[in-house]
Amino acid sequence: MPLKAATPPVNVYEGNGQLSVVIPIPGAHPSNVDVIVGATTLRLDAKCKYLQEDQHYHRRDWQVGSWRAEIELPGLVDPARSRATLNHGVLVVMAPLSEAGEGEHRPAVE
């Protein structure tokens, strides 16, 4: 029976006038990652694949599969100026801090 993919660990930090959310998602391709940035939340949907997912594992410390997460941000951000990159299996979403954050934005994952 395949394991259900667990939500990966998340780092959220502030610096240079922006919030950054960093999430390792091995096996993810930018076309399979959907990011929605709101003024106070970040929603993520990801589908991660790995070629050997149907093998008999002797040890399995990280998992693949589909997952969804909603992350409360510690401050208001400007969703329209947010951006997302996926490089070497690490998703980084950056959004400038804002006193009047409003709306939602779906940045393309590059």
PDB file of N, CA and C in Angstrom:
ATOM      1  N   MET A   1       0.846  -1.173   0.000  1.00  0.00           N
ATOM      2  CA  MET A   1       0.000   0.000   0.000  1.00  0.00           C
ATOM      3  C   MET A   1       0.888   1.232   0.000  1.00  0.00           C
ATOM      4  N   PRO A   2       0.723   2.157  -0.958  1.00  0.00           N
ATOM      5  CA  PRO A   2       1.579   3.328  -1.010  1.00  0.00           C
ATOM      6  C   PRO A   2       1.332   4.257   0.169  1.00  0.00           C
ATOM      7  N   LEU A   3       2.395   4.904   0.597  1.00  0.00           N
ATOM      8  CA  LEU A   3       2.274   5.871   1.674  1.00  0.00           C
ATOM      9  C   LEU A   3       1.640   7.155   1.164  1.00  0.00           C
ATOM     10  N   LYS A   4       0.826   7.772   2.003  1.00  0.00           N
ATOM     11  CA  LYS A   4       0.264   9.071   1.659  1.00  0.00           C
ATOM     12  C   LYS A   4       1.371  10.111   1.836  1.00  0.00           C
ATOM     13  N   ALA A   5       1.510  10.992   0.863  1.00  0.00           N
ATOM     14  CA  ALA A   5       2.566  11.998   0.936  1.00  0.00           C
ATOM     15  C   ALA A   5       2.316  12.941   2.096  1.00  0.00           C
ATOM     16  N   ALA A   6       3.339  13.172   2.879  1.00  0.00           N
ATOM     17  CA  ALA A   6       3.246  14.101   3.998  1.00  0.00           C
ATOM     18  C   ALA A   6       3.583  15.506   3.516  1.00  0.00           C
ATOM     19  N   THR A   7       3.003  16.492   4.164  1.00  0.00           N
ATOM     20  CA  THR A   7       3.347  17.870   3.844  1.00  0.00           C
ATOM     21  C   THR A   7       4.784  18.106   4.284  1.00  0.00           C
ATOM     22  N   PRO A   8       5.613  18.644   3.404  1.00  0.00           N
ATOM     23  CA  PRO A   8       7.025  18.850   3.762  1.00  0.00           C
ATOM     24  C   PRO A   8       7.191  19.963   4.791  1.00  0.00           C
ATOM     25  N   PRO A   9       8.374  20.035   5.401  1.00  0.00           N
ATOM     26  CA  PRO A   9       8.637  21.104   6.373  1.00  0.00           C
ATOM     27  C   PRO A   9       8.644  22.460   5.676  1.00  0.00           C
ATOM     28  N   VAL A  10       8.357  23.497   6.438  1.00  0.00           N
ATOM     29  CA  VAL A  10       8.238  24.855   5.899  1.00  0.00           C
ATOM     30  C   VAL A  10       9.075  25.809   6.746  1.00  0.00           C
ATOM     31  N   ASN A  11       9.847  26.670   6.083  1.00  0.00           N
ATOM     32  CA  ASN A  11      10.526  27.779   6.749  1.00  0.00           C
ATOM     33  C   ASN A  11       9.882  29.070   6.276  1.00  0.00           C
ATOM     34  N   VAL A  12       9.561  29.966   7.216  1.00  0.00           N
ATOM     35  CA  VAL A  12       9.027  31.284   6.890  1.00  0.00           C
ATOM     36  C   VAL A  12       9.936  32.297   7.575  1.00  0.00           C
ATOM     37  N   TYR A  13      10.460  33.238   6.790  1.00  0.00           N
ATOM     38  CA  TYR A  13      11.324  34.244   7.390  1.00  0.00           C
ATOM     39  C   TYR A  13      11.108  35.599   6.727  1.00  0.00           C
ATOM     40  N   GLU A  14      11.559  36.628   7.433  1.00  0.00           N
ATOM     41  CA  GLU A  14      11.399  38.003   6.980  1.00  0.00           C
ATOM     42  C   GLU A  14      12.776  38.638   6.825  1.00  0.00           C
ATOM     43  N   GLY A  15      12.942  39.390   5.748  1.00  0.00           N
ATOM     44  CA  GLY A  15      14.190  40.102   5.518  1.00  0.00           C
ATOM     45  C   GLY A  15      14.072  40.976   4.289  1.00  0.00           C
ATOM     46  N   ASN A  16      14.745  42.091   4.293  1.00  0.00           N
ATOM     47  CA  ASN A  16      14.754  43.014   3.160  1.00  0.00           C
ATOM     48  C   ASN A  16      13.351  43.450   2.733  1.00  0.00           C
ATOM     49  N   GLY A  17      12.455  43.632   3.709  1.00  0.00           N
ATOM     50  CA  GLY A  17      11.123  44.128   3.404  1.00  0.00           C
ATOM     51  C   GLY A  17      10.193  43.114   2.771  1.00  0.00           C
ATOM     52  N   GLN A  18      10.504  41.821   2.898  1.00  0.00           N
ATOM     53  CA  GLN A  18       9.617  40.815   2.329  1.00  0.00           C
ATOM     54  C   GLN A  18       9.560  39.577   3.222  1.00  0.00           C
ATOM     55  N   LEU A  19       8.488  38.805   3.035  1.00  0.00           N
ATOM     56  CA  LEU A  19       8.390  37.494   3.662  1.00  0.00           C
ATOM     57  C   LEU A  19       8.790  36.455   2.630  1.00  0.00           C
ATOM     58  N   SER A  20       9.495  35.442   3.073  1.00  0.00           N
ATOM     59  CA  SER A  20       9.870  34.334   2.203  1.00  0.00           C
ATOM     60  C   SER A  20       9.401  33.043   2.839  1.00  0.00           C
ATOM     61  N   VAL A  21       8.846  32.167   2.019  1.00  0.00           N
ATOM     62  CA  VAL A  21       8.422  30.843   2.452  1.00  0.00           C
ATOM     63  C   VAL A  21       9.225  29.848   1.622  1.00  0.00           C
ATOM     64  N   VAL A  22       9.920  28.935   2.294  1.00  0.00           N
ATOM     65  CA  VAL A  22      10.807  27.988   1.619  1.00  0.00           C
ATOM     66  C   VAL A  22      10.366  26.570   1.984  1.00  0.00           C
ATOM     67  N   ILE A  23      10.143  25.746   0.939  1.00  0.00           N
ATOM     68  CA  ILE A  23       9.619  24.403   1.142  1.00  0.00           C
ATOM     69  C   ILE A  23      10.366  23.419   0.224  1.00  0.00           C
ATOM     70  N   PRO A  24      11.000  22.397   0.781  1.00  0.00           N
ATOM     71  CA  PRO A  24      11.604  21.373  -0.082  1.00  0.00           C
ATOM     72  C   PRO A  24      10.508  20.449  -0.620  1.00  0.00           C
ATOM     73  N   ILE A  25      10.464  20.300  -1.941  1.00  0.00           N
ATOM     74  CA  ILE A  25       9.490  19.390  -2.557  1.00  0.00           C
ATOM     75  C   ILE A  25      10.195  18.581  -3.650  1.00  0.00           C
ATOM     76  N   PRO A  26      10.973  17.569  -3.237  1.00  0.00           N
ATOM     77  CA  PRO A  26      11.710  16.759  -4.213  1.00  0.00           C
ATOM     78  C   PRO A  26      10.771  16.082  -5.196  1.00  0.00           C
ATOM     79  N   GLY A  27      11.169  16.081  -6.443  1.00  0.00           N
ATOM     80  CA  GLY A  27      10.386  15.431  -7.480  1.00  0.00           C
ATOM     81  C   GLY A  27       9.322  16.306  -8.101  1.00  0.00           C
ATOM     82  N   ALA A  28       9.174  17.545  -7.638  1.00  0.00           N
ATOM     83  CA  ALA A  28       8.146  18.437  -8.185  1.00  0.00           C
ATOM     84  C   ALA A  28       8.660  19.139  -9.438  1.00  0.00           C
ATOM     85  N   HIS A  29       7.762  19.350 -10.373  1.00  0.00           N
ATOM     86  CA  HIS A  29       8.041  20.120 -11.578  1.00  0.00           C
ATOM     87  C   HIS A  29       7.199  21.395 -11.495  1.00  0.00           C
ATOM     88  N   PRO A  30       7.710  22.539 -11.946  1.00  0.00           N
ATOM     89  CA  PRO A  30       6.942  23.789 -11.839  1.00  0.00           C
ATOM     90  C   PRO A  30       5.510  23.693 -12.375  1.00  0.00           C
ATOM     91  N   SER A  31       5.287  22.885 -13.402  1.00  0.00           N
ATOM     92  CA  SER A  31       3.934  22.774 -13.955  1.00  0.00           C
ATOM     93  C   SER A  31       2.983  22.009 -13.029  1.00  0.00           C
ATOM     94  N   ASN A  32       3.525  21.335 -12.012  1.00  0.00           N
ATOM     95  CA  ASN A  32       2.696  20.592 -11.059  1.00  0.00           C
ATOM     96  C   ASN A  32       2.604  21.261  -9.700  1.00  0.00           C
ATOM     97  N   VAL A  33       2.992  22.531  -9.624  1.00  0.00           N
ATOM     98  CA  VAL A  33       2.942  23.271  -8.368  1.00  0.00           C
ATOM     99  C   VAL A  33       2.075  24.500  -8.588  1.00  0.00           C
ATOM    100  N   ASP A  34       1.044  24.656  -7.755  1.00  0.00           N
ATOM    101  CA  ASP A  34       0.141  25.800  -7.834  1.00  0.00           C
ATOM    102  C   ASP A  34       0.282  26.602  -6.549  1.00  0.00           C
ATOM    103  N   VAL A  35       0.586  27.886  -6.679  1.00  0.00           N
ATOM    104  CA  VAL A  35       0.790  28.779  -5.547  1.00  0.00           C
ATOM    105  C   VAL A  35      -0.241  29.897  -5.620  1.00  0.00           C
ATOM    106  N   ILE A  36      -0.934  30.153  -4.511  1.00  0.00           N
ATOM    107  CA  ILE A  36      -1.852  31.283  -4.427  1.00  0.00           C
ATOM    108  C   ILE A  36      -1.468  32.091  -3.203  1.00  0.00           C
ATOM    109  N   VAL A  37      -1.083  33.346  -3.438  1.00  0.00           N
ATOM    110  CA  VAL A  37      -0.667  34.228  -2.349  1.00  0.00           C
ATOM    111  C   VAL A  37      -1.809  35.185  -2.036  1.00  0.00           C
ATOM    112  N   GLY A  38      -2.234  35.192  -0.781  1.00  0.00           N
ATOM    113  CA  GLY A  38      -3.205  36.156  -0.289  1.00  0.00           C
ATOM    114  C   GLY A  38      -2.494  37.130   0.628  1.00  0.00           C
ATOM    115  N   ALA A  39      -3.203  38.126   1.120  1.00  0.00           N
ATOM    116  CA  ALA A  39      -2.587  39.135   1.986  1.00  0.00           C
ATOM    117  C   ALA A  39      -2.052  38.541   3.281  1.00  0.00           C
ATOM    118  N   THR A  40      -2.687  37.460   3.775  1.00  0.00           N
ATOM    119  CA  THR A  40      -2.265  36.868   5.052  1.00  0.00           C
ATOM    120  C   THR A  40      -2.038  35.364   4.975  1.00  0.00           C
ATOM    121  N   THR A  41      -2.257  34.762   3.806  1.00  0.00           N
ATOM    122  CA  THR A  41      -2.093  33.307   3.688  1.00  0.00           C
ATOM    123  C   THR A  41      -1.406  32.937   2.377  1.00  0.00           C
ATOM    124  N   LEU A  42      -0.833  31.767   2.384  1.00  0.00           N
ATOM    125  CA  LEU A  42      -0.217  31.191   1.192  1.00  0.00           C
ATOM    126  C   LEU A  42      -0.799  29.793   1.041  1.00  0.00           C
ATOM    127  N   ARG A  43      -1.398  29.504  -0.116  1.00  0.00           N
ATOM    128  CA  ARG A  43      -1.950  28.176  -0.384  1.00  0.00           C
ATOM    129  C   ARG A  43      -1.109  27.504  -1.455  1.00  0.00           C
ATOM    130  N   LEU A  44      -0.813  26.235  -1.227  1.00  0.00           N
ATOM    131  CA  LEU A  44       0.022  25.463  -2.153  1.00  0.00           C
ATOM    132  C   LEU A  44      -0.640  24.135  -2.467  1.00  0.00           C
ATOM    133  N   ASP A  45      -0.593  23.767  -3.738  1.00  0.00           N
ATOM    134  CA  ASP A  45      -0.973  22.434  -4.189  1.00  0.00           C
ATOM    135  C   ASP A  45       0.209  21.920  -4.992  1.00  0.00           C
ATOM    136  N   ALA A  46       0.644  20.700  -4.702  1.00  0.00           N
ATOM    137  CA  ALA A  46       1.777  20.142  -5.438  1.00  0.00           C
ATOM    138  C   ALA A  46       1.554  18.666  -5.695  1.00  0.00           C
ATOM    139  N   LYS A  47       2.050  18.240  -6.838  1.00  0.00           N
ATOM    140  CA  LYS A  47       2.055  16.819  -7.173  1.00  0.00           C
ATOM    141  C   LYS A  47       3.500  16.467  -7.482  1.00  0.00           C
ATOM    142  N   CYS A  48       4.074  15.630  -6.656  1.00  0.00           N
ATOM    143  CA  CYS A  48       5.483  15.261  -6.791  1.00  0.00           C
ATOM    144  C   CYS A  48       5.577  13.818  -7.255  1.00  0.00           C
ATOM    145  N   LYS A  49       6.431  13.600  -8.233  1.00  0.00           N
ATOM    146  CA  LYS A  49       6.623  12.259  -8.772  1.00  0.00           C
ATOM    147  C   LYS A  49       8.093  11.869  -8.633  1.00  0.00           C
ATOM    148  N   TYR A  50       8.314  10.600  -8.522  1.00  0.00           N
ATOM    149  CA  TYR A  50       9.661  10.069  -8.457  1.00  0.00           C
ATOM    150  C   TYR A  50       9.634   8.734  -9.172  1.00  0.00           C
ATOM    151  N   LEU A  51      10.550   8.488 -10.063  1.00  0.00           N
ATOM    152  CA  LEU A  51      10.491   7.322 -10.933  1.00  0.00           C
ATOM    153  C   LEU A  51      10.383   5.989 -10.192  1.00  0.00           C
ATOM    154  N   GLN A  52      10.961   5.872  -9.021  1.00  0.00           N
ATOM    155  CA  GLN A  52      10.958   4.607  -8.297  1.00  0.00           C
ATOM    156  C   GLN A  52       9.887   4.538  -7.214  1.00  0.00           C
ATOM    157  N   GLU A  53       8.786   5.247  -7.375  1.00  0.00           N
ATOM    158  CA  GLU A  53       7.797   5.299  -6.298  1.00  0.00           C
ATOM    159  C   GLU A  53       7.097   3.960  -6.040  1.00  0.00           C
ATOM    160  N   ASP A  54       7.117   3.024  -6.979  1.00  0.00           N
ATOM    161  CA  ASP A  54       6.447   1.735  -6.774  1.00  0.00           C
ATOM    162  C   ASP A  54       7.416   0.620  -6.364  1.00  0.00           C
ATOM    163  N   GLN A  55       8.594   0.954  -5.936  1.00  0.00           N
ATOM    164  CA  GLN A  55       9.604  -0.041  -5.559  1.00  0.00           C
ATOM    165  C   GLN A  55       9.400  -0.505  -4.119  1.00  0.00           C
ATOM    166  N   HIS A  56      10.051  -1.598  -3.769  1.00  0.00           N
ATOM    167  CA  HIS A  56      10.054  -2.099  -2.392  1.00  0.00           C
ATOM    168  C   HIS A  56      11.157  -1.354  -1.633  1.00  0.00           C
ATOM    169  N   TYR A  57      10.769  -0.486  -0.718  1.00  0.00           N
ATOM    170  CA  TYR A  57      11.734   0.331   0.013  1.00  0.00           C
ATOM    171  C   TYR A  57      12.204  -0.381   1.274  1.00  0.00           C
ATOM    172  N   HIS A  58      13.482  -0.263   1.570  1.00  0.00           N
ATOM    173  CA  HIS A  58      14.033  -0.724   2.839  1.00  0.00           C
ATOM    174  C   HIS A  58      14.109   0.434   3.821  1.00  0.00           C
ATOM    175  N   ARG A  59      14.189   1.615   3.291  1.00  0.00           N
ATOM    176  CA  ARG A  59      14.140   2.830   4.103  1.00  0.00           C
ATOM    177  C   ARG A  59      13.550   3.928   3.235  1.00  0.00           C
ATOM    178  N   ARG A  60      12.655   4.706   3.814  1.00  0.00           N
ATOM    179  CA  ARG A  60      12.011   5.775   3.055  1.00  0.00           C
ATOM    180  C   ARG A  60      11.802   6.969   3.980  1.00  0.00           C
ATOM    181  N   ASP A  61      12.695   7.938   3.896  1.00  0.00           N
ATOM    182  CA  ASP A  61      12.635   9.111   4.767  1.00  0.00           C
ATOM    183  C   ASP A  61      11.854  10.268   4.153  1.00  0.00           C
ATOM    184  N   TRP A  62      11.745  10.299   2.836  1.00  0.00           N
ATOM    185  CA  TRP A  62      10.935  11.342   2.205  1.00  0.00           C
ATOM    186  C   TRP A  62       9.980  10.695   1.230  1.00  0.00           C
ATOM    187  N   GLN A  63       8.854  11.361   1.046  1.00  0.00           N
ATOM    188  CA  GLN A  63       7.781  10.768   0.275  1.00  0.00           C
ATOM    189  C   GLN A  63       7.426  11.637  -0.928  1.00  0.00           C
ATOM    190  N   VAL A  64       6.737  11.016  -1.864  1.00  0.00           N
ATOM    191  CA  VAL A  64       6.234  11.725  -3.025  1.00  0.00           C
ATOM    192  C   VAL A  64       4.721  11.565  -3.053  1.00  0.00           C
ATOM    193  N   GLY A  65       4.075  12.348  -3.881  1.00  0.00           N
ATOM    194  CA  GLY A  65       2.629  12.275  -4.004  1.00  0.00           C
ATOM    195  C   GLY A  65       2.040  13.665  -4.090  1.00  0.00           C
ATOM    196  N   SER A  66       0.749  13.761  -3.868  1.00  0.00           N
ATOM    197  CA  SER A  66       0.064  15.050  -3.924  1.00  0.00           C
ATOM    198  C   SER A  66      -0.195  15.552  -2.514  1.00  0.00           C
ATOM    199  N   TRP A  67      -0.086  16.833  -2.344  1.00  0.00           N
ATOM    200  CA  TRP A  67      -0.386  17.430  -1.052  1.00  0.00           C
ATOM    201  C   TRP A  67      -0.857  18.859  -1.227  1.00  0.00           C
ATOM    202  N   ARG A  68      -1.516  19.349  -0.201  1.00  0.00           N
ATOM    203  CA  ARG A  68      -2.056  20.715  -0.174  1.00  0.00           C
ATOM    204  C   ARG A  68      -1.731  21.301   1.193  1.00  0.00           C
ATOM    205  N   ALA A  69      -1.356  22.570   1.210  1.00  0.00           N
ATOM    206  CA  ALA A  69      -1.052  23.232   2.474  1.00  0.00           C
ATOM    207  C   ALA A  69      -1.557  24.661   2.433  1.00  0.00           C
ATOM    208  N   GLU A  70      -1.993  25.137   3.571  1.00  0.00           N
ATOM    209  CA  GLU A  70      -2.325  26.552   3.737  1.00  0.00           C
ATOM    210  C   GLU A  70      -1.489  27.072   4.897  1.00  0.00           C
ATOM    211  N   ILE A  71      -0.722  28.115   4.621  1.00  0.00           N
ATOM    212  CA  ILE A  71       0.227  28.645   5.591  1.00  0.00           C
ATOM    213  C   ILE A  71      -0.196  30.058   5.963  1.00  0.00           C
ATOM    214  N   GLU A  72      -0.400  30.287   7.255  1.00  0.00           N
ATOM    215  CA  GLU A  72      -0.711  31.627   7.744  1.00  0.00           C
ATOM    216  C   GLU A  72       0.582  32.441   7.750  1.00  0.00           C
ATOM    217  N   LEU A  73       0.550  33.598   7.135  1.00  0.00           N
ATOM    218  CA  LEU A  73       1.728  34.460   7.103  1.00  0.00           C
ATOM    219  C   LEU A  73       1.740  35.346   8.342  1.00  0.00           C
ATOM    220  N   PRO A  74       2.917  35.662   8.873  1.00  0.00           N
ATOM    221  CA  PRO A  74       3.005  36.444  10.104  1.00  0.00           C
ATOM    222  C   PRO A  74       2.826  37.946   9.903  1.00  0.00           C
ATOM    223  N   GLY A  75       2.556  38.385   8.690  1.00  0.00           N
ATOM    224  CA  GLY A  75       2.341  39.801   8.414  1.00  0.00           C
ATOM    225  C   GLY A  75       1.615  39.963   7.104  1.00  0.00           C
ATOM    226  N   LEU A  76       1.157  41.181   6.824  1.00  0.00           N
ATOM    227  CA  LEU A  76       0.482  41.465   5.559  1.00  0.00           C
ATOM    228  C   LEU A  76       1.497  41.566   4.432  1.00  0.00           C
ATOM    229  N   VAL A  77       1.155  40.997   3.273  1.00  0.00           N
ATOM    230  CA  VAL A  77       2.022  41.085   2.101  1.00  0.00           C
ATOM    231  C   VAL A  77       1.238  41.654   0.926  1.00  0.00           C
ATOM    232  N   ASP A  78       1.964  42.035  -0.118  1.00  0.00           N
ATOM    233  CA  ASP A  78       1.371  42.518  -1.363  1.00  0.00           C
ATOM    234  C   ASP A  78       1.317  41.336  -2.334  1.00  0.00           C
ATOM    235  N   PRO A  79       0.168  40.658  -2.445  1.00  0.00           N
ATOM    236  CA  PRO A  79       0.082  39.466  -3.292  1.00  0.00           C
ATOM    237  C   PRO A  79       0.436  39.734  -4.756  1.00  0.00           C
ATOM    238  N   ALA A  80       0.078  40.901  -5.269  1.00  0.00           N
ATOM    239  CA  ALA A  80       0.303  41.193  -6.687  1.00  0.00           C
ATOM    240  C   ALA A  80       1.781  41.234  -7.051  1.00  0.00           C
ATOM    241  N   ARG A  81       2.649  41.475  -6.089  1.00  0.00           N
ATOM    242  CA  ARG A  81       4.092  41.552  -6.366  1.00  0.00           C
ATOM    243  C   ARG A  81       4.842  40.309  -5.885  1.00  0.00           C
ATOM    244  N   SER A  82       4.111  39.239  -5.580  1.00  0.00           N
ATOM    245  CA  SER A  82       4.753  38.010  -5.120  1.00  0.00           C
ATOM    246  C   SER A  82       5.323  37.244  -6.305  1.00  0.00           C
ATOM    247  N   ARG A  83       6.294  36.385  -6.012  1.00  0.00           N
ATOM    248  CA  ARG A  83       6.870  35.538  -7.050  1.00  0.00           C
ATOM    249  C   ARG A  83       7.272  34.209  -6.440  1.00  0.00           C
ATOM    250  N   ALA A  84       7.375  33.206  -7.304  1.00  0.00           N
ATOM    251  CA  ALA A  84       7.697  31.856  -6.842  1.00  0.00           C
ATOM    252  C   ALA A  84       8.709  31.221  -7.778  1.00  0.00           C
ATOM    253  N   THR A  85       9.698  30.552  -7.187  1.00  0.00           N
ATOM    254  CA  THR A  85      10.686  29.831  -7.978  1.00  0.00           C
ATOM    255  C   THR A  85      10.839  28.416  -7.413  1.00  0.00           C
ATOM    256  N   LEU A  86      11.118  27.489  -8.293  1.00  0.00           N
ATOM    257  CA  LEU A  86      11.392  26.109  -7.902  1.00  0.00           C
ATOM    258  C   LEU A  86      12.737  25.750  -8.510  1.00  0.00           C
ATOM    259  N   ASN A  87      13.722  25.539  -7.647  1.00  0.00           N
ATOM    260  CA  ASN A  87      15.073  25.273  -8.118  1.00  0.00           C
ATOM    261  C   ASN A  87      15.668  24.134  -7.299  1.00  0.00           C
ATOM    262  N   HIS A  88      16.103  23.071  -7.971  1.00  0.00           N
ATOM    263  CA  HIS A  88      16.707  21.909  -7.307  1.00  0.00           C
ATOM    264  C   HIS A  88      15.795  21.330  -6.234  1.00  0.00           C
ATOM    265  N   GLY A  89      14.484  21.305  -6.488  1.00  0.00           N
ATOM    266  CA  GLY A  89      13.547  20.704  -5.551  1.00  0.00           C
ATOM    267  C   GLY A  89      13.163  21.557  -4.365  1.00  0.00           C
ATOM    268  N   VAL A  90      13.507  22.843  -4.390  1.00  0.00           N
ATOM    269  CA  VAL A  90      13.158  23.742  -3.291  1.00  0.00           C
ATOM    270  C   VAL A  90      12.300  24.875  -3.844  1.00  0.00           C
ATOM    271  N   LEU A  91      11.076  24.993  -3.302  1.00  0.00           N
ATOM    272  CA  LEU A  91      10.169  26.068  -3.694  1.00  0.00           C
ATOM    273  C   LEU A  91      10.406  27.260  -2.788  1.00  0.00           C
ATOM    274  N   VAL A  92      10.584  28.438  -3.392  1.00  0.00           N
ATOM    275  CA  VAL A  92      10.735  29.683  -2.641  1.00  0.00           C
ATOM    276  C   VAL A  92       9.662  30.645  -3.128  1.00  0.00           C
ATOM    277  N   VAL A  93       8.816  31.097  -2.210  1.00  0.00           N
ATOM    278  CA  VAL A  93       7.789  32.085  -2.515  1.00  0.00           C
ATOM    279  C   VAL A  93       8.149  33.341  -1.746  1.00  0.00           C
ATOM    280  N   MET A  94       8.260  34.469  -2.474  1.00  0.00           N
ATOM    281  CA  MET A  94       8.630  35.739  -1.862  1.00  0.00           C
ATOM    282  C   MET A  94       7.530  36.754  -2.116  1.00  0.00           C
ATOM    283  N   ALA A  95       7.171  37.492  -1.061  1.00  0.00           N
ATOM    284  CA  ALA A  95       6.131  38.509  -1.182  1.00  0.00           C
ATOM    285  C   ALA A  95       6.528  39.724  -0.352  1.00  0.00           C
ATOM    286  N   PRO A  96       6.518  40.925  -0.964  1.00  0.00           N
ATOM    287  CA  PRO A  96       6.863  42.127  -0.225  1.00  0.00           C
ATOM    288  C   PRO A  96       5.864  42.398   0.901  1.00  0.00           C
ATOM    289  N   LEU A  97       6.378  42.836   2.031  1.00  0.00           N
ATOM    290  CA  LEU A  97       5.515  43.249   3.132  1.00  0.00           C
ATOM    291  C   LEU A  97       4.715  44.469   2.700  1.00  0.00           C
ATOM    292  N   SER A  98       3.500  44.597   3.215  1.00  0.00           N
ATOM    293  CA  SER A  98       2.625  45.695   2.830  1.00  0.00           C
ATOM    294  C   SER A  98       1.693  46.025   3.981  1.00  0.00           C
ATOM    295  N   GLU A  99       1.397  47.298   4.158  1.00  0.00           N
ATOM    296  CA  GLU A  99       0.441  47.690   5.200  1.00  0.00           C
ATOM    297  C   GLU A  99      -0.990  47.533   4.717  1.00  0.00           C
ATOM    298  N   ALA A 100      -1.186  47.446   3.411  1.00  0.00           N
ATOM    299  CA  ALA A 100      -2.543  47.358   2.858  1.00  0.00           C
ATOM    300  C   ALA A 100      -2.675  46.169   1.921  1.00  0.00           C
ATOM    301  N   GLY A 101      -2.142  45.025   2.332  1.00  0.00           N
ATOM    302  CA  GLY A 101      -2.231  43.841   1.479  1.00  0.00           C
ATOM    303  C   GLY A 101      -3.671  43.461   1.233  1.00  0.00           C
ATOM    304  N   GLU A 102      -4.016  43.188  -0.016  1.00  0.00           N
ATOM    305  CA  GLU A 102      -5.375  42.776  -0.331  1.00  0.00           C
ATOM    306  C   GLU A 102      -5.387  41.950  -1.600  1.00  0.00           C
ATOM    307  N   GLY A 103      -6.450  41.175  -1.756  1.00  0.00           N
ATOM    308  CA  GLY A 103      -6.609  40.346  -2.947  1.00  0.00           C
ATOM    309  C   GLY A 103      -5.771  39.090  -2.884  1.00  0.00           C
ATOM    310  N   GLU A 104      -5.749  38.383  -4.023  1.00  0.00           N
ATOM    311  CA  GLU A 104      -4.963  37.166  -4.168  1.00  0.00           C
ATOM    312  C   GLU A 104      -4.213  37.235  -5.487  1.00  0.00           C
ATOM    313  N   HIS A 105      -3.134  36.492  -5.559  1.00  0.00           N
ATOM    314  CA  HIS A 105      -2.340  36.452  -6.791  1.00  0.00           C
ATOM    315  C   HIS A 105      -1.808  35.038  -6.955  1.00  0.00           C
ATOM    316  N   ARG A 106      -1.781  34.564  -8.178  1.00  0.00           N
ATOM    317  CA  ARG A 106      -1.249  33.233  -8.478  1.00  0.00           C
ATOM    318  C   ARG A 106       0.018  33.436  -9.324  1.00  0.00           C
ATOM    319  N   PRO A 107       1.182  33.576  -8.647  1.00  0.00           N
ATOM    320  CA  PRO A 107       2.407  33.765  -9.441  1.00  0.00           C
ATOM    321  C   PRO A 107       2.771  32.482 -10.177  1.00  0.00           C
ATOM    322  N   ALA A 108       3.295  32.656 -11.380  1.00  0.00           N
ATOM    323  CA  ALA A 108       3.786  31.506 -12.131  1.00  0.00           C
ATOM    324  C   ALA A 108       5.012  30.962 -11.416  1.00  0.00           C
ATOM    325  N   VAL A 109       5.090  29.664 -11.253  1.00  0.00           N
ATOM    326  CA  VAL A 109       6.256  29.036 -10.613  1.00  0.00           C
ATOM    327  C   VAL A 109       7.303  28.866 -11.694  1.00  0.00           C
ATOM    328  N   GLU A 110       8.421  29.522 -11.499  1.00  0.00           N
ATOM    329  CA  GLU A 110       9.503  29.492 -12.497  1.00  0.00           C
ATOM    330  C   GLU A 110      10.557  28.475 -12.108  1.00  0.00           C
TER     331      GLU A 110
END
